[in-house]
PDB file of N, CA and C in Angstrom:
ATOM      1  N   MET A   1       1.171  -0.701   0.003  1.00  0.00           N
ATOM      2  CA  MET A   1       0.069  -0.320   0.009  1.00  0.00           C
ATOM      3  C   MET A   1       0.890   1.714   0.051  1.00  0.00           C
ATOM      4  N   SER A   2       1.466   2.053  -0.926  1.00  0.00           N
ATOM      5  CA  SER A   2       1.293   3.037  -1.163  1.00  0.00           C
ATOM      6  C   SER A   2       0.498   4.569  -0.443  1.00  0.00           C
ATOM      7  N   VAL A   3       1.288   5.226   0.178  1.00  0.00           N
ATOM      8  CA  VAL A   3       0.670   6.462   0.198  1.00  0.00           C
ATOM      9  C   VAL A   3       0.542   7.620  -0.245  1.00  0.00           C
ATOM     10  N   PHE A   4       1.785   7.394  -0.298  1.00  0.00           N
ATOM     11  CA  PHE A   4       2.433   8.868  -1.284  1.00  0.00           C
ATOM     12  C   PHE A   4       3.113   8.546  -2.712  1.00  0.00           C
ATOM     13  N   LYS A   5       2.530   8.420  -3.472  1.00  0.00           N
ATOM     14  CA  LYS A   5       2.595   8.618  -4.715  1.00  0.00           C
ATOM     15  C   LYS A   5       3.921   9.633  -5.407  1.00  0.00           C
ATOM     16  N   LYS A   6       4.920   8.722  -5.378  1.00  0.00           N
ATOM     17  CA  LYS A   6       6.087   9.452  -6.027  1.00  0.00           C
ATOM     18  C   LYS A   6       5.838  10.138  -7.567  1.00  0.00           C
ATOM     19  N   ASN A   7       6.052   8.790  -8.819  1.00  0.00           N
ATOM     20  CA  ASN A   7       5.332   9.439 -10.319  1.00  0.00           C
ATOM     21  C   ASN A   7       4.779   9.716 -10.611  1.00  0.00           C
ATOM     22  N   GLU A   8       3.665  10.623  -9.847  1.00  0.00           N
ATOM     23  CA  GLU A   8       2.910  11.465 -10.357  1.00  0.00           C
ATOM     24  C   GLU A   8       3.277  12.715 -11.138  1.00  0.00           C
ATOM     25  N   LYS A   9       3.422  12.944 -11.940  1.00  0.00           N
ATOM     26  CA  LYS A   9       3.544  14.388 -13.073  1.00  0.00           C
ATOM     27  C   LYS A   9       2.439  15.072 -12.550  1.00  0.00           C
ATOM     28  N   LYS A  10       2.396  16.326 -12.751  1.00  0.00           N
ATOM     29  CA  LYS A  10       1.891  17.748 -12.360  1.00  0.00           C
ATOM     30  C   LYS A  10       2.625  18.464 -14.332  1.00  0.00           C
ATOM     31  N   ASN A  11       1.230  18.270 -14.189  1.00  0.00           N
ATOM     32  CA  ASN A  11       0.932  19.305 -15.437  1.00  0.00           C
ATOM     33  C   ASN A  11       0.542  21.016 -14.872  1.00  0.00           C
ATOM     34  N   THR A  12       1.633  21.203 -15.769  1.00  0.00           N
ATOM     35  CA  THR A  12       0.659  22.975 -15.002  1.00  0.00           C
ATOM     36  C   THR A  12       0.699  23.921 -16.365  1.00  0.00           C
ATOM     37  N   ASN A  13      -0.233  23.849 -17.120  1.00  0.00           N
ATOM     38  CA  ASN A  13      -0.376  24.558 -18.192  1.00  0.00           C
ATOM     39  C   ASN A  13      -0.358  25.885 -17.900  1.00  0.00           C
ATOM     40  N   ARG A  14       0.210  27.124 -18.345  1.00  0.00           N
ATOM     41  CA  ARG A  14      -0.917  28.293 -18.625  1.00  0.00           C
ATOM     42  C   ARG A  14      -1.647  29.112 -19.195  1.00  0.00           C
ATOM     43  N   LEU A  15      -3.123  29.585 -18.592  1.00  0.00           N
ATOM     44  CA  LEU A  15      -3.885  29.888 -19.262  1.00  0.00           C
ATOM     45  C   LEU A  15      -4.067  31.111 -20.408  1.00  0.00           C
ATOM     46  N   PRO A  16      -4.226  30.727 -21.801  1.00  0.00           N
ATOM     47  CA  PRO A  16      -4.007  31.610 -22.992  1.00  0.00           C
ATOM     48  C   PRO A  16      -4.501  33.233 -22.404  1.00  0.00           C
ATOM     49  N   MET A  17      -2.886  34.635 -23.002  1.00  0.00           N
ATOM     50  CA  MET A  17      -3.294  35.221 -23.024  1.00  0.00           C
ATOM     51  C   MET A  17      -3.862  36.214 -24.311  1.00  0.00           C
ATOM     52  N   PRO A  18      -4.945  36.577 -24.587  1.00  0.00           N
ATOM     53  CA  PRO A  18      -4.953  37.355 -25.440  1.00  0.00           C
ATOM     54  C   PRO A  18      -3.398  38.946 -25.720  1.00  0.00           C
ATOM     55  N   ASP A  19      -3.193  38.815 -27.217  1.00  0.00           N
ATOM     56  CA  ASP A  19      -2.863  39.311 -27.950  1.00  0.00           C
ATOM     57  C   ASP A  19      -2.432  41.322 -26.954  1.00  0.00           C
ATOM     58  N   LYS A  20      -4.426  41.490 -26.939  1.00  0.00           N
ATOM     59  CA  LYS A  20      -4.254  43.089 -26.448  1.00  0.00           C
ATOM     60  C   LYS A  20      -3.924  43.011 -24.811  1.00  0.00           C
ATOM     61  N   VAL A  21      -4.444  41.806 -24.119  1.00  0.00           N
ATOM     62  CA  VAL A  21      -3.647  41.765 -23.058  1.00  0.00           C
ATOM     63  C   VAL A  21      -2.632  41.592 -22.732  1.00  0.00           C
ATOM     64  N   LYS A  22      -1.817  40.993 -23.369  1.00  0.00           N
ATOM     65  CA  LYS A  22      -0.609  41.170 -23.294  1.00  0.00           C
ATOM     66  C   LYS A  22       0.729  42.727 -24.098  1.00  0.00           C
ATOM     67  N   LYS A  23      -0.051  43.533 -24.783  1.00  0.00           N
ATOM     68  CA  LYS A  23       0.153  44.562 -25.042  1.00  0.00           C
ATOM     69  C   LYS A  23       0.217  46.008 -23.842  1.00  0.00           C
ATOM     70  N   GLY A  24      -1.265  45.494 -23.288  1.00  0.00           N
ATOM     71  CA  GLY A  24      -1.445  46.550 -21.735  1.00  0.00           C
ATOM     72  C   GLY A  24      -0.216  45.976 -20.843  1.00  0.00           C
ATOM     73  N   TYR A  25      -0.216  45.321 -20.805  1.00  0.00           N
ATOM     74  CA  TYR A  25       0.675  44.554 -19.474  1.00  0.00           C
ATOM     75  C   TYR A  25       2.048  45.225 -19.728  1.00  0.00           C
ATOM     76  N   ARG A  26       2.153  45.278 -20.712  1.00  0.00           N
ATOM     77  CA  ARG A  26       4.094  45.337 -21.145  1.00  0.00           C
ATOM     78  C   ARG A  26       3.503  46.957 -21.157  1.00  0.00           C
ATOM     79  N   TYR A  27       2.672  47.965 -21.136  1.00  0.00           N
ATOM     80  CA  TYR A  27       2.687  49.045 -21.020  1.00  0.00           C
ATOM     81  C   TYR A  27       2.256  49.414 -19.786  1.00  0.00           C
ATOM     82  N   TYR A  28       1.637  48.851 -19.089  1.00  0.00           N
ATOM     83  CA  TYR A  28       1.332  49.250 -17.797  1.00  0.00           C
ATOM     84  C   TYR A  28       2.825  49.422 -17.027  1.00  0.00           C
ATOM     85  N   CYS A  29       3.866  47.488 -16.993  1.00  0.00           N
ATOM     86  CA  CYS A  29       5.075  47.627 -16.473  1.00  0.00           C
ATOM     87  C   CYS A  29       6.153  48.871 -16.578  1.00  0.00           C
ATOM     88  N   SER A  30       5.635  48.538 -18.490  1.00  0.00           N
ATOM     89  CA  SER A  30       7.043  49.970 -18.711  1.00  0.00           C
ATOM     90  C   SER A  30       6.851  51.498 -17.835  1.00  0.00           C
ATOM     91  N   LEU A  31       5.768  51.582 -17.437  1.00  0.00           N
ATOM     92  CA  LEU A  31       5.423  53.062 -17.096  1.00  0.00           C
ATOM     93  C   LEU A  31       5.461  52.937 -15.903  1.00  0.00           C
ATOM     94  N   VAL A  32       5.022  52.053 -15.413  1.00  0.00           N
ATOM     95  CA  VAL A  32       5.599  51.520 -13.572  1.00  0.00           C
ATOM     96  C   VAL A  32       6.827  51.664 -13.232  1.00  0.00           C
ATOM     97  N   ALA A  33       7.749  50.833 -14.356  1.00  0.00           N
ATOM     98  CA  ALA A  33       9.048  51.525 -14.314  1.00  0.00           C
ATOM     99  C   ALA A  33       9.808  52.682 -14.123  1.00  0.00           C
ATOM    100  N   ALA A  34       9.011  53.189 -15.740  1.00  0.00           N
ATOM    101  CA  ALA A  34       9.442  55.184 -15.570  1.00  0.00           C
ATOM    102  C   ALA A  34       8.969  55.364 -14.708  1.00  0.00           C
ATOM    103  N   VAL A  35       7.924  55.610 -13.450  1.00  0.00           N
ATOM    104  CA  VAL A  35       7.744  56.816 -12.351  1.00  0.00           C
ATOM    105  C   VAL A  35       8.784  56.163 -11.524  1.00  0.00           C
ATOM    106  N   ALA A  36       8.978  54.829 -11.258  1.00  0.00           N
ATOM    107  CA  ALA A  36       9.980  54.375 -10.215  1.00  0.00           C
ATOM    108  C   ALA A  36      11.327  54.961 -10.828  1.00  0.00           C
ATOM    109  N   LEU A  37      11.544  54.955 -11.816  1.00  0.00           N
ATOM    110  CA  LEU A  37      12.748  55.704 -12.272  1.00  0.00           C
ATOM    111  C   LEU A  37      13.451  57.406 -12.142  1.00  0.00           C
ATOM    112  N   MET A  38      11.917  58.086 -12.567  1.00  0.00           N
ATOM    113  CA  MET A  38      12.253  59.099 -12.247  1.00  0.00           C
ATOM    114  C   MET A  38      11.738  59.964 -10.754  1.00  0.00           C
ATOM    115  N   GLY A  39      10.878  58.942  -9.886  1.00  0.00           N
ATOM    116  CA  GLY A  39      10.875  59.135  -8.514  1.00  0.00           C
ATOM    117  C   GLY A  39      12.036  58.591  -8.126  1.00  0.00           C
ATOM    118  N   CYS A  40      13.490  57.993  -8.040  1.00  0.00           N
ATOM    119  CA  CYS A  40      14.468  57.812  -7.974  1.00  0.00           C
ATOM    120  C   CYS A  40      15.267  57.933  -7.928  1.00  0.00           C
ATOM    121  N   CYS A  41      15.684  58.936  -9.352  1.00  0.00           N
ATOM    122  CA  CYS A  41      16.312  60.183  -9.786  1.00  0.00           C
ATOM    123  C   CYS A  41      15.937  61.324  -8.554  1.00  0.00           C
ATOM    124  N   THR A  42      14.979  61.691  -8.787  1.00  0.00           N
ATOM    125  CA  THR A  42      14.990  63.186  -8.533  1.00  0.00           C
ATOM    126  C   THR A  42      15.607  62.962  -7.084  1.00  0.00           C
ATOM    127  N   MET A  43      16.273  64.377  -6.508  1.00  0.00           N
ATOM    128  CA  MET A  43      16.815  64.876  -5.497  1.00  0.00           C
ATOM    129  C   MET A  43      16.448  65.860  -5.017  1.00  0.00           C
ATOM    130  N   THR A  44      16.205  66.895  -4.191  1.00  0.00           N
ATOM    131  CA  THR A  44      16.111  68.158  -4.014  1.00  0.00           C
ATOM    132  C   THR A  44      17.374  68.987  -3.001  1.00  0.00           C
ATOM    133  N   ALA A  45      17.757  69.134  -3.977  1.00  0.00           N
ATOM    134  CA  ALA A  45      19.766  69.473  -2.958  1.00  0.00           C
ATOM    135  C   ALA A  45      19.278  70.717  -2.652  1.00  0.00           C
ATOM    136  N   PHE A  46      19.929  71.163  -1.326  1.00  0.00           N
ATOM    137  CA  PHE A  46      19.789  71.750  -0.621  1.00  0.00           C
ATOM    138  C   PHE A  46      20.716  72.395   0.029  1.00  0.00           C
ATOM    139  N   ALA A  47      21.454  73.324  -0.903  1.00  0.00           N
ATOM    140  CA  ALA A  47      22.576  74.346  -0.707  1.00  0.00           C
ATOM    141  C   ALA A  47      22.736  75.129   0.582  1.00  0.00           C
ATOM    142  N   ALA A  48      24.208  75.228   0.845  1.00  0.00           N
ATOM    143  CA  ALA A  48      24.498  75.870   2.231  1.00  0.00           C
ATOM    144  C   ALA A  48      25.434  77.110   2.030  1.00  0.00           C
ATOM    145  N   ASP A  49      25.051  77.880   2.504  1.00  0.00           N
ATOM    146  CA  ASP A  49      26.337  78.762   2.674  1.00  0.00           C
ATOM    147  C   ASP A  49      27.410  79.180   3.192  1.00  0.00           C
ATOM    148  N   ASP A  50      27.598  78.244   3.914  1.00  0.00           N
ATOM    149  CA  ASP A  50      28.610  77.872   4.686  1.00  0.00           C
ATOM    150  C   ASP A  50      28.987  76.337   5.408  1.00  0.00           C
ATOM    151  N   PRO A  51      30.155  76.391   4.684  1.00  0.00           N
ATOM    152  CA  PRO A  51      30.597  74.687   4.233  1.00  0.00           C
ATOM    153  C   PRO A  51      31.037  73.561   5.702  1.00  0.00           C
ATOM    154  N   LEU A  52      30.660  74.433   6.924  1.00  0.00           N
ATOM    155  CA  LEU A  52      31.106  73.581   7.801  1.00  0.00           C
ATOM    156  C   LEU A  52      29.269  72.987   8.451  1.00  0.00           C
ATOM    157  N   THR A  53      28.141  73.677   7.995  1.00  0.00           N
ATOM    158  CA  THR A  53      26.749  73.718   7.925  1.00  0.00           C
ATOM    159  C   THR A  53      26.655  72.192   7.499  1.00  0.00           C
ATOM    160  N   VAL A  54      27.550  71.987   5.843  1.00  0.00           N
ATOM    161  CA  VAL A  54      26.835  70.858   5.493  1.00  0.00           C
ATOM    162  C   VAL A  54      27.875  69.463   5.765  1.00  0.00           C
ATOM    163  N   ILE A  55      28.308  69.473   6.178  1.00  0.00           N
ATOM    164  CA  ILE A  55      29.294  68.584   7.000  1.00  0.00           C
ATOM    165  C   ILE A  55      28.504  68.711   8.224  1.00  0.00           C
ATOM    166  N   ASN A  56      28.540  68.758   9.192  1.00  0.00           N
ATOM    167  CA  ASN A  56      27.606  68.540  10.304  1.00  0.00           C
ATOM    168  C   ASN A  56      25.762  68.537   9.725  1.00  0.00           C
ATOM    169  N   ASN A  57      25.431  68.923   8.582  1.00  0.00           N
ATOM    170  CA  ASN A  57      24.755  67.548   8.132  1.00  0.00           C
ATOM    171  C   ASN A  57      24.898  66.582   7.523  1.00  0.00           C
ATOM    172  N   LEU A  58      25.835  65.981   6.774  1.00  0.00           N
ATOM    173  CA  LEU A  58      26.151  65.036   6.528  1.00  0.00           C
ATOM    174  C   LEU A  58      26.377  64.138   7.961  1.00  0.00           C
ATOM    175  N   SER A  59      27.006  64.597   9.074  1.00  0.00           N
ATOM    176  CA  SER A  59      27.432  63.700  10.133  1.00  0.00           C
ATOM    177  C   SER A  59      25.874  63.878  10.738  1.00  0.00           C
ATOM    178  N   GLU A  60      25.046  64.684  10.817  1.00  0.00           N
ATOM    179  CA  GLU A  60      23.994  64.135  11.652  1.00  0.00           C
ATOM    180  C   GLU A  60      22.863  63.309  10.679  1.00  0.00           C
ATOM    181  N   PHE A  61      23.420  63.091   9.718  1.00  0.00           N
ATOM    182  CA  PHE A  61      22.798  61.929   8.930  1.00  0.00           C
ATOM    183  C   PHE A  61      23.168  60.725   9.049  1.00  0.00           C
ATOM    184  N   ILE A  62      24.307  60.698   9.242  1.00  0.00           N
ATOM    185  CA  ILE A  62      25.261  59.487   9.017  1.00  0.00           C
ATOM    186  C   ILE A  62      25.022  58.689  10.962  1.00  0.00           C
ATOM    187  N   PHE A  63      24.768  59.793  11.469  1.00  0.00           N
ATOM    188  CA  PHE A  63      24.979  59.067  13.274  1.00  0.00           C
ATOM    189  C   PHE A  63      22.894  58.762  13.247  1.00  0.00           C
ATOM    190  N   GLY A  64      22.580  59.308  12.076  1.00  0.00           N
ATOM    191  CA  GLY A  64      21.148  58.398  12.340  1.00  0.00           C
ATOM    192  C   GLY A  64      20.516  57.510  11.690  1.00  0.00           C
ATOM    193  N   LEU A  65      21.399  57.118  10.756  1.00  0.00           N
ATOM    194  CA  LEU A  65      21.597  55.651   9.933  1.00  0.00           C
ATOM    195  C   LEU A  65      22.496  54.824  11.200  1.00  0.00           C
ATOM    196  N   ILE A  66      23.154  55.228  12.170  1.00  0.00           N
ATOM    197  CA  ILE A  66      23.963  54.413  13.093  1.00  0.00           C
ATOM    198  C   ILE A  66      23.501  53.739  14.081  1.00  0.00           C
ATOM    199  N   ARG A  67      22.235  55.307  14.639  1.00  0.00           N
ATOM    200  CA  ARG A  67      21.090  54.701  14.929  1.00  0.00           C
ATOM    201  C   ARG A  67      19.932  53.977  14.920  1.00  0.00           C
ATOM    202  N   ALA A  68      19.581  54.121  13.310  1.00  0.00           N
ATOM    203  CA  ALA A  68      19.103  53.199  13.125  1.00  0.00           C
ATOM    204  C   ALA A  68      19.330  51.438  13.217  1.00  0.00           C
ATOM    205  N   VAL A  69      20.452  51.120  12.564  1.00  0.00           N
ATOM    206  CA  VAL A  69      21.123  50.036  12.599  1.00  0.00           C
ATOM    207  C   VAL A  69      21.183  49.187  14.187  1.00  0.00           C
ATOM    208  N   GLY A  70      21.121  50.242  15.190  1.00  0.00           N
ATOM    209  CA  GLY A  70      21.455  50.134  16.869  1.00  0.00           C
ATOM    210  C   GLY A  70      20.091  49.974  17.513  1.00  0.00           C
ATOM    211  N   LEU A  71      19.409  50.562  16.598  1.00  0.00           N
ATOM    212  CA  LEU A  71      17.788  49.623  17.649  1.00  0.00           C
ATOM    213  C   LEU A  71      16.979  48.764  16.989  1.00  0.00           C
ATOM    214  N   ILE A  72      17.784  48.086  15.549  1.00  0.00           N
ATOM    215  CA  ILE A  72      17.314  47.202  14.889  1.00  0.00           C
ATOM    216  C   ILE A  72      18.069  46.105  15.924  1.00  0.00           C
ATOM    217  N   LEU A  73      19.499  45.722  16.336  1.00  0.00           N
ATOM    218  CA  LEU A  73      20.163  45.203  16.889  1.00  0.00           C
ATOM    219  C   LEU A  73      19.469  45.231  18.360  1.00  0.00           C
ATOM    220  N   LEU A  74      19.413  46.583  18.722  1.00  0.00           N
ATOM    221  CA  LEU A  74      18.772  46.103  19.914  1.00  0.00           C
ATOM    222  C   LEU A  74      17.102  45.792  19.966  1.00  0.00           C
ATOM    223  N   GLY A  75      15.970  45.689  19.414  1.00  0.00           N
ATOM    224  CA  GLY A  75      15.198  45.087  19.091  1.00  0.00           C
ATOM    225  C   GLY A  75      15.486  43.047  18.787  1.00  0.00           C
ATOM    226  N   TRP A  76      16.586  43.385  17.663  1.00  0.00           N
ATOM    227  CA  TRP A  76      16.955  42.121  18.141  1.00  0.00           C
ATOM    228  C   TRP A  76      17.487  40.507  19.038  1.00  0.00           C
ATOM    229  N   GLY A  77      18.198  41.483  19.827  1.00  0.00           N
ATOM    230  CA  GLY A  77      18.834  41.550  21.354  1.00  0.00           C
ATOM    231  C   GLY A  77      17.519  40.949  21.998  1.00  0.00           C
ATOM    232  N   ILE A  78      16.494  41.411  22.119  1.00  0.00           N
ATOM    233  CA  ILE A  78      15.334  41.476  22.965  1.00  0.00           C
ATOM    234  C   ILE A  78      14.053  40.424  22.252  1.00  0.00           C
ATOM    235  N   VAL A  79      14.212  40.398  21.158  1.00  0.00           N
ATOM    236  CA  VAL A  79      14.176  38.893  20.552  1.00  0.00           C
ATOM    237  C   VAL A  79      14.887  37.550  21.361  1.00  0.00           C
ATOM    238  N   GLN A  80      16.056  37.453  21.034  1.00  0.00           N
ATOM    239  CA  GLN A  80      17.102  36.582  21.250  1.00  0.00           C
ATOM    240  C   GLN A  80      17.088  36.335  22.619  1.00  0.00           C
ATOM    241  N   VAL A  81      16.872  37.012  24.231  1.00  0.00           N
ATOM    242  CA  VAL A  81      17.222  36.873  25.375  1.00  0.00           C
ATOM    243  C   VAL A  81      15.224  36.351  25.038  1.00  0.00           C
ATOM    244  N   GLY A  82      14.436  36.640  24.927  1.00  0.00           N
ATOM    245  CA  GLY A  82      13.261  36.185  24.904  1.00  0.00           C
ATOM    246  C   GLY A  82      12.974  35.074  24.663  1.00  0.00           C
ATOM    247  N   LEU A  83      13.271  34.316  23.047  1.00  0.00           N
ATOM    248  CA  LEU A  83      13.174  33.295  22.765  1.00  0.00           C
ATOM    249  C   LEU A  83      14.840  32.553  23.568  1.00  0.00           C
ATOM    250  N   SER A  84      15.378  32.798  24.418  1.00  0.00           N
ATOM    251  CA  SER A  84      15.964  31.514  24.939  1.00  0.00           C
ATOM    252  C   SER A  84      15.642  31.221  26.529  1.00  0.00           C
ATOM    253  N   LEU A  85      14.951  32.735  26.974  1.00  0.00           N
ATOM    254  CA  LEU A  85      14.011  32.672  28.210  1.00  0.00           C
ATOM    255  C   LEU A  85      13.139  30.804  27.752  1.00  0.00           C
ATOM    256  N   GLN A  86      12.607  31.385  27.173  1.00  0.00           N
ATOM    257  CA  GLN A  86      11.348  30.434  26.665  1.00  0.00           C
ATOM    258  C   GLN A  86      11.951  28.962  26.634  1.00  0.00           C
ATOM    259  N   SER A  87      13.220  29.118  25.554  1.00  0.00           N
ATOM    260  CA  SER A  87      13.630  27.761  25.493  1.00  0.00           C
ATOM    261  C   SER A  87      14.872  27.036  26.757  1.00  0.00           C
ATOM    262  N   HIS A  88      15.011  27.845  27.195  1.00  0.00           N
ATOM    263  CA  HIS A  88      15.992  27.313  28.903  1.00  0.00           C
ATOM    264  C   HIS A  88      17.728  26.926  28.163  1.00  0.00           C
ATOM    265  N   ASP A  89      17.838  27.843  26.895  1.00  0.00           N
ATOM    266  CA  ASP A  89      19.653  28.013  25.827  1.00  0.00           C
ATOM    267  C   ASP A  89      20.835  28.999  26.992  1.00  0.00           C
ATOM    268  N   PRO A  90      21.122  28.366  27.486  1.00  0.00           N
ATOM    269  CA  PRO A  90      21.996  30.077  27.832  1.00  0.00           C
ATOM    270  C   PRO A  90      23.223  29.879  27.570  1.00  0.00           C
ATOM    271  N   SER A  91      23.366  29.754  25.877  1.00  0.00           N
ATOM    272  CA  SER A  91      24.151  29.699  25.117  1.00  0.00           C
ATOM    273  C   SER A  91      23.724  30.982  24.134  1.00  0.00           C
ATOM    274  N   GLN A  92      22.261  30.675  23.734  1.00  0.00           N
ATOM    275  CA  GLN A  92      21.526  31.673  23.151  1.00  0.00           C
ATOM    276  C   GLN A  92      21.065  32.892  24.136  1.00  0.00           C
ATOM    277  N   ARG A  93      20.961  32.730  25.091  1.00  0.00           N
ATOM    278  CA  ARG A  93      20.676  33.835  26.178  1.00  0.00           C
ATOM    279  C   ARG A  93      22.559  34.782  26.195  1.00  0.00           C
ATOM    280  N   SER A  94      23.164  34.333  26.139  1.00  0.00           N
ATOM    281  CA  SER A  94      24.385  34.683  26.152  1.00  0.00           C
ATOM    282  C   SER A  94      24.829  35.927  24.964  1.00  0.00           C
ATOM    283  N   ASN A  95      24.246  35.298  23.486  1.00  0.00           N
ATOM    284  CA  ASN A  95      24.652  35.582  22.571  1.00  0.00           C
ATOM    285  C   ASN A  95      22.959  36.822  22.543  1.00  0.00           C
ATOM    286  N   GLY A  96      22.304  36.709  23.043  1.00  0.00           N
ATOM    287  CA  GLY A  96      20.713  37.551  23.529  1.00  0.00           C
ATOM    288  C   GLY A  96      21.982  39.170  23.610  1.00  0.00           C
ATOM    289  N   PHE A  97      22.134  38.459  24.896  1.00  0.00           N
ATOM    290  CA  PHE A  97      22.405  40.251  25.521  1.00  0.00           C
ATOM    291  C   PHE A  97      23.856  40.627  25.147  1.00  0.00           C
ATOM    292  N   LEU A  98      24.728  40.087  24.519  1.00  0.00           N
ATOM    293  CA  LEU A  98      25.323  40.065  23.625  1.00  0.00           C
ATOM    294  C   LEU A  98      25.158  40.816  22.749  1.00  0.00           C
ATOM    295  N   THR A  99      24.420  40.080  21.871  1.00  0.00           N
ATOM    296  CA  THR A  99      23.420  41.888  20.574  1.00  0.00           C
ATOM    297  C   THR A  99      22.956  42.844  21.717  1.00  0.00           C
ATOM    298  N   LEU A 100      22.267  42.324  22.448  1.00  0.00           N
ATOM    299  CA  LEU A 100      21.485  43.729  23.434  1.00  0.00           C
ATOM    300  C   LEU A 100      22.583  44.977  23.660  1.00  0.00           C
ATOM    301  N   ALA A 101      23.941  44.484  24.106  1.00  0.00           N
ATOM    302  CA  ALA A 101      24.761  44.949  24.566  1.00  0.00           C
ATOM    303  C   ALA A 101      25.083  45.610  23.034  1.00  0.00           C
ATOM    304  N   GLY A 102      25.151  45.189  22.424  1.00  0.00           N
ATOM    305  CA  GLY A 102      25.686  45.859  21.354  1.00  0.00           C
ATOM    306  C   GLY A 102      24.935  47.161  20.398  1.00  0.00           C
ATOM    307  N   GLY A 103      23.477  46.491  21.060  1.00  0.00           N
ATOM    308  CA  GLY A 103      22.273  47.905  20.810  1.00  0.00           C
ATOM    309  C   GLY A 103      22.622  48.288  21.259  1.00  0.00           C
ATOM    310  N   VAL A 104      22.147  49.297  22.406  1.00  0.00           N
ATOM    311  CA  VAL A 104      22.528  49.949  23.387  1.00  0.00           C
ATOM    312  C   VAL A 104      24.040  50.631  22.867  1.00  0.00           C
ATOM    313  N   ILE A 105      25.017  49.875  22.969  1.00  0.00           N
ATOM    314  CA  ILE A 105      26.306  50.631  22.250  1.00  0.00           C
ATOM    315  C   ILE A 105      26.358  51.501  21.309  1.00  0.00           C
ATOM    316  N   ILE A 106      25.433  50.820  19.674  1.00  0.00           N
ATOM    317  CA  ILE A 106      25.999  51.580  18.718  1.00  0.00           C
ATOM    318  C   ILE A 106      24.452  52.633  18.554  1.00  0.00           C
ATOM    319  N   THR A 107      23.731  51.955  19.241  1.00  0.00           N
ATOM    320  CA  THR A 107      22.316  53.196  19.476  1.00  0.00           C
ATOM    321  C   THR A 107      22.646  54.929  19.876  1.00  0.00           C
ATOM    322  N   PHE A 108      23.679  54.464  20.674  1.00  0.00           N
ATOM    323  CA  PHE A 108      24.045  55.576  21.701  1.00  0.00           C
ATOM    324  C   PHE A 108      25.944  55.974  21.464  1.00  0.00           C
ATOM    325  N   ALA A 109      26.363  55.706  19.964  1.00  0.00           N
ATOM    326  CA  ALA A 109      26.922  55.853  19.709  1.00  0.00           C
ATOM    327  C   ALA A 109      27.991  57.509  19.732  1.00  0.00           C
ATOM    328  N   LYS A 110      27.200  58.397  19.315  1.00  0.00           N
ATOM    329  CA  LYS A 110      27.293  59.493  19.251  1.00  0.00           C
ATOM    330  C   LYS A 110      26.962  60.311  20.482  1.00  0.00           C
ATOM    331  N   GLU A 111      26.429  60.253  21.430  1.00  0.00           N
ATOM    332  CA  GLU A 111      27.079  60.317  22.691  1.00  0.00           C
ATOM    333  C   GLU A 111      27.455  60.096  23.471  1.00  0.00           C
ATOM    334  N   ILE A 112      27.703  59.056  23.588  1.00  0.00           N
ATOM    335  CA  ILE A 112      29.449  58.280  23.774  1.00  0.00           C
ATOM    336  C   ILE A 112      30.774  58.792  23.327  1.00  0.00           C
ATOM    337  N   LEU A 113      30.567  59.102  21.853  1.00  0.00           N
ATOM    338  CA  LEU A 113      31.215  59.808  21.088  1.00  0.00           C
ATOM    339  C   LEU A 113      31.746  61.607  21.816  1.00  0.00           C
ATOM    340  N   THR A 114      31.182  62.213  21.721  1.00  0.00           N
ATOM    341  CA  THR A 114      30.814  63.236  22.748  1.00  0.00           C
ATOM    342  C   THR A 114      31.300  63.703  24.326  1.00  0.00           C
ATOM    343  N   LEU A 115      30.654  62.086  25.052  1.00  0.00           N
ATOM    344  CA  LEU A 115      31.706  62.162  26.248  1.00  0.00           C
ATOM    345  C   LEU A 115      32.723  61.809  26.540  1.00  0.00           C
ATOM    346  N   ILE A 116      33.545  61.072  25.499  1.00  0.00           N
ATOM    347  CA  ILE A 116      34.719  61.333  25.001  1.00  0.00           C
ATOM    348  C   ILE A 116      35.524  61.983  24.710  1.00  0.00           C
ATOM    349  N   THR A 117      34.811  62.658  23.606  1.00  0.00           N
ATOM    350  CA  THR A 117      36.036  63.808  23.664  1.00  0.00           C
ATOM    351  C   THR A 117      35.923  65.205  24.018  1.00  0.00           C
ATOM    352  N   GLY A 118      34.780  65.098  24.572  1.00  0.00           N
ATOM    353  CA  GLY A 118      34.185  66.275  25.286  1.00  0.00           C
ATOM    354  C   GLY A 118      33.721  67.500  24.919  1.00  0.00           C
TER     355      GLY A 118
END
């Protein structure tokens, strides 16, 4: 008695698509691609008179990205600690606490650097 049929072939045939639908779909896809390309390629540039202001804005942007990565790591560390407490796994718990500590350090990197440099 065979429960699983191993030699059963599945035929998957596509439904026929009329030429008008194909042409319309091509136009739709090209329109969506063109709009996405135009949206991605246009960027407003705000010029500043002082070069130091430009550097400060860039620094704020980079530290904002670093803070976002730190918050993601912080959340992942909380998830790992919670899962380790549920499964009673000490190695996963230590990895979770290390990820949690790294997330806190990365999240507050700018504040730590300003405390160090004074």
